[in-house]
Amino acid sequence: MRCSLLRPDPAQRGRLEEIRDNLIARIAEAEREGWLGEVEGLKVSLAGAEEKLRQLDRGHGQHAAVDLGIPTTRGDR
């Protein structure tokens, strides 16, 4: 969840939503119990899960070709 380089698979959206919902429940439990360090760590993971879902919404989970242009040699300049 926390890795910014990880690109989620659109087929795993349901699983990401389950993880997000579980993190929300775990944060509520940790806050009730006064586990402040746990709350902070879970919030970081929740932010990561929510970002992965936003990536899917923006379509970043799809692979597309990128035009890199035609390379030139130094003599071509």
Protein backbone atom coordinates (compact mmCIF):
# COMPACT_ATOMS: atom_id res chain seq x y z
CA MET A 1 0.00 0.00 0.00
CA ARG A 2 2.72 2.46 0.89
CA CYS A 3 4.90 1.92 -2.18
CA SER A 4 4.44 4.83 -4.56
CA LEU A 5 5.84 2.78 -7.47
CA LEU A 6 3.26 0.02 -7.15
CA ARG A 7 0.58 0.34 -9.83
CA PRO A 8 -2.62 -1.43 -8.80
CA ASP A 9 -4.32 -3.94 -11.07
CA PRO A 10 -7.87 -2.75 -11.89
CA ALA A 11 -9.11 -6.30 -11.26
CA GLN A 12 -8.03 -5.89 -7.61
CA ARG A 13 -10.22 -2.82 -6.93
CA GLY A 14 -12.58 -4.83 -4.70
CA ARG A 15 -9.67 -6.07 -2.62
CA LEU A 16 -8.29 -2.53 -2.26
CA GLU A 17 -11.70 -1.36 -1.06
CA GLU A 18 -11.77 -4.19 1.51
CA ILE A 19 -8.31 -3.20 2.73
CA ARG A 20 -9.36 0.47 2.99
CA ASP A 21 -12.50 -0.44 4.95
CA ASN A 22 -10.50 -2.70 7.27
CA LEU A 23 -7.95 0.06 7.89
CA ILE A 24 -10.75 2.49 8.81
CA ALA A 25 -12.11 -0.03 11.32
CA ARG A 26 -8.63 -0.69 12.75
CA ILE A 27 -7.99 3.05 13.14
CA ALA A 28 -11.26 3.43 15.08
CA GLU A 29 -10.28 0.51 17.35
CA ALA A 30 -6.79 1.89 17.92
CA GLU A 31 -8.21 5.32 18.79
CA ARG A 32 -10.65 3.74 21.27
CA GLU A 33 -7.82 1.80 22.88
CA GLY A 34 -5.44 4.76 22.97
CA TRP A 35 -2.83 3.13 20.72
CA LEU A 36 -1.53 6.41 19.30
CA GLY A 37 1.51 4.96 17.52
CA GLU A 38 -0.67 2.35 15.87
CA VAL A 39 -3.14 5.04 14.76
CA GLU A 40 -0.40 6.98 12.97
CA GLY A 41 0.91 3.92 11.13
CA LEU A 42 -2.57 2.85 10.08
CA LYS A 43 -3.33 6.35 8.80
CA VAL A 44 -0.26 6.19 6.57
CA SER A 45 -1.43 2.85 5.19
CA LEU A 46 -4.96 4.22 4.71
CA ALA A 47 -3.60 7.18 2.75
CA GLY A 48 -1.70 4.73 0.54
CA ALA A 49 -4.80 2.60 -0.07
CA GLU A 50 -6.85 5.67 -0.94
CA GLU A 51 -4.16 6.87 -3.35
CA LYS A 52 -4.15 3.48 -5.09
CA LEU A 53 -7.93 3.74 -5.53
CA ARG A 54 -7.54 7.26 -6.95
CA GLN A 55 -4.94 5.93 -9.39
CA LEU A 56 -7.46 3.38 -10.59
CA ASP A 57 -10.09 6.12 -10.97
CA ARG A 58 -7.65 8.18 -13.05
CA GLY A 59 -6.84 5.17 -15.21
CA HIS A 60 -3.19 4.84 -14.14
CA GLY A 61 -3.71 1.14 -13.65
CA GLN A 62 -3.85 0.76 -17.43
CA HIS A 63 -0.71 0.33 -19.45
CA ALA A 64 -0.34 2.53 -22.51
CA ALA A 65 2.42 3.00 -25.06
CA VAL A 66 4.51 6.13 -24.68
CA ASP A 67 6.12 7.80 -27.69
CA LEU A 68 9.74 8.51 -26.79
CA GLY A 69 10.62 10.05 -30.15
CA ILE A 70 13.40 9.08 -32.51
CA PRO A 71 16.94 9.14 -31.09
CA THR A 72 19.56 11.22 -32.84
CA THR A 73 23.30 10.99 -32.91
CA ARG A 74 25.62 13.90 -32.21
CA GLY A 75 26.25 14.32 -35.93
CA ASP A 76 22.52 14.89 -36.55
CA ARG A 77 22.47 18.16 -34.62
